[in-house]
Amino acid sequence: MTASAASPASSVELTFTVTEEDTATALGSGSLPVLATPRLLAWCEAATCAAVEPALGAGQTSVGTRVSLEHSAASPVGAEVIVSADPTHRDGRLHRFRVSGRHTDGKVVATGEVTRVVVDTDRFLARLG
């Protein structure tokens, strides 16, 4: 099955709870015990991976190629963050997603865009060696 023959990407929401290991202090991206931007970005990428999954054929995966993320509010340890990925554009193998993060009370903590490209797993890995 090719990427063009697969189902379209879907919208996805994932919920995460901020732990000590997710903080800027723990990840070295700051000195405060709040959700680190690199962890938030990883959560956004996880949501886009789940969203693009229906568009993958056998032997395919996706790779992130472009990210734009505005981390606009702090999330303390224990906060639940709902991360969403919504498909906004598809051009062949390229998939673009609007991503956002919000607290369970609706407060927006991040917005952005992630672009992923569908690749043949074996061919991609063969180019590395």
Protein backbone atom coordinates (compact mmCIF):
# COMPACT_ATOMS: atom_id res chain seq x y z
CA MET A 1 0.00 0.00 0.00
CA THR A 2 1.36 3.46 -0.80
CA ALA A 3 0.91 6.62 1.27
CA SER A 4 -1.53 7.97 -1.29
CA ALA A 5 -3.66 4.83 -1.04
CA ALA A 6 -3.79 4.86 2.76
CA SER A 7 -6.46 6.55 4.83
CA PRO A 8 -6.11 10.24 5.58
CA ALA A 9 -4.47 11.42 8.77
CA SER A 10 -6.85 11.94 11.68
CA SER A 11 -7.19 14.34 14.60
CA VAL A 12 -5.71 13.05 17.85
CA GLU A 13 -5.78 14.14 21.49
CA LEU A 14 -3.38 12.75 24.08
CA THR A 15 -3.39 13.59 27.79
CA PHE A 16 -0.21 13.79 29.84
CA THR A 17 0.44 14.54 33.51
CA VAL A 18 3.49 16.71 34.22
CA THR A 19 5.99 14.89 36.45
CA GLU A 20 9.28 15.98 37.99
CA GLU A 21 11.04 14.28 35.05
CA ASP A 22 9.17 16.58 32.61
CA THR A 23 10.37 19.84 34.15
CA ALA A 24 12.77 22.39 32.76
CA THR A 25 15.02 21.72 35.75
CA ALA A 26 15.19 17.99 35.02
CA LEU A 27 15.74 18.41 31.27
CA GLY A 28 18.28 21.20 31.55
CA SER A 29 16.20 23.69 29.57
CA GLY A 30 15.72 26.09 32.48
CA SER A 31 15.79 26.37 36.23
CA LEU A 32 12.10 26.18 37.13
CA PRO A 33 10.03 23.14 38.17
CA VAL A 34 7.48 23.57 35.34
CA LEU A 35 6.82 21.68 32.10
CA ALA A 36 9.89 21.96 29.87
CA THR A 37 9.43 23.11 26.30
CA PRO A 38 11.42 20.14 24.93
CA ARG A 39 9.04 17.71 26.70
CA LEU A 40 6.00 19.62 25.43
CA LEU A 41 7.43 19.42 21.91
CA ALA A 42 7.96 15.66 22.31
CA TRP A 43 4.32 15.32 23.36
CA CYS A 44 3.22 17.32 20.30
CA GLU A 45 5.32 15.08 18.07
CA ALA A 46 3.80 11.98 19.71
CA ALA A 47 0.34 13.32 18.87
CA THR A 48 1.33 13.92 15.22
CA CYS A 49 2.80 10.41 14.98
CA ALA A 50 -0.50 8.99 16.21
CA ALA A 51 -2.45 11.26 13.84
CA VAL A 52 -0.48 10.26 10.74
CA GLU A 53 -0.62 6.52 11.58
CA PRO A 54 -3.79 5.88 9.49
CA ALA A 55 -2.02 7.32 6.43
CA LEU A 56 0.91 4.88 6.64
CA GLY A 57 1.20 1.86 4.42
CA ALA A 58 3.05 -1.36 5.20
CA GLY A 59 6.74 -0.71 5.84
CA GLN A 60 6.24 3.04 6.23
CA THR A 61 6.81 5.47 9.06
CA SER A 62 6.95 9.24 9.32
CA VAL A 63 9.73 11.63 10.24
CA GLY A 64 9.42 15.13 11.61
CA THR A 65 10.89 17.74 9.29
CA ARG A 66 9.69 21.10 10.59
CA VAL A 67 8.41 22.43 13.91
CA SER A 68 7.05 25.78 15.05
CA LEU A 69 5.92 25.91 18.68
CA GLU A 70 4.93 28.76 20.97
CA HIS A 71 4.97 27.71 24.62
CA SER A 72 2.85 30.46 26.16
CA ALA A 73 1.96 29.36 29.70
CA ALA A 74 3.54 27.37 32.52
CA SER A 75 2.32 23.97 33.69
CA PRO A 76 3.31 22.89 37.22
CA VAL A 77 4.09 19.36 38.30
CA GLY A 78 0.80 17.47 38.57
CA ALA A 79 -0.97 19.47 35.86
CA GLU A 80 -2.74 17.54 33.13
CA VAL A 81 -1.96 18.75 29.61
CA ILE A 82 -4.14 17.76 26.67
CA VAL A 83 -2.12 17.81 23.45
CA SER A 84 -3.95 17.80 20.14
CA ALA A 85 -2.82 17.34 16.55
CA ASP A 86 -5.16 18.26 13.71
CA PRO A 87 -4.26 17.69 10.05
CA THR A 88 -4.23 20.93 8.06
CA HIS A 89 -2.47 20.02 4.81
CA ARG A 90 -1.40 16.99 2.81
CA ASP A 91 0.69 16.96 -0.33
CA GLY A 92 1.76 13.45 -1.28
CA ARG A 93 4.04 12.22 1.49
CA LEU A 94 4.02 15.55 3.38
CA HIS A 95 1.55 15.99 6.26
CA ARG A 96 1.18 19.22 8.21
CA PHE A 97 -0.56 19.42 11.59
CA ARG A 98 -1.79 22.22 13.83
CA VAL A 99 -0.77 21.29 17.37
CA SER A 100 -1.86 22.71 20.69
CA GLY A 101 -1.62 22.03 24.37
CA ARG A 102 -4.12 23.05 26.99
CA HIS A 103 -4.84 22.42 30.64
CA THR A 104 -7.99 20.51 31.54
CA ASP A 105 -9.62 23.86 32.46
CA GLY A 106 -9.15 24.95 28.82
CA LYS A 107 -6.20 27.30 29.36
CA VAL A 108 -4.02 27.20 26.23
CA VAL A 109 -0.37 26.54 27.03
CA ALA A 110 1.01 26.03 23.51
CA THR A 111 0.18 26.37 19.84
CA GLY A 112 2.14 25.52 16.75
CA GLU A 113 2.63 23.45 13.64
CA VAL A 114 4.48 20.20 12.94
CA THR A 115 5.32 18.83 9.50
CA ARG A 116 5.95 15.12 8.97
CA VAL A 117 6.98 13.24 5.84
CA VAL A 118 6.06 9.61 5.18
CA VAL A 119 9.09 7.46 4.33
CA ASP A 120 9.82 3.84 3.56
CA THR A 121 11.43 2.59 6.78
CA ASP A 122 13.99 0.22 5.21
CA ARG A 123 15.06 2.67 2.51
CA PHE A 124 15.39 5.50 5.04
CA LEU A 125 17.53 3.41 7.41
CA ALA A 126 19.68 2.09 4.53
CA ARG A 127 20.72 5.66 3.71
CA LEU A 128 22.19 6.09 7.18
CA GLY A 129 24.80 3.34 6.84
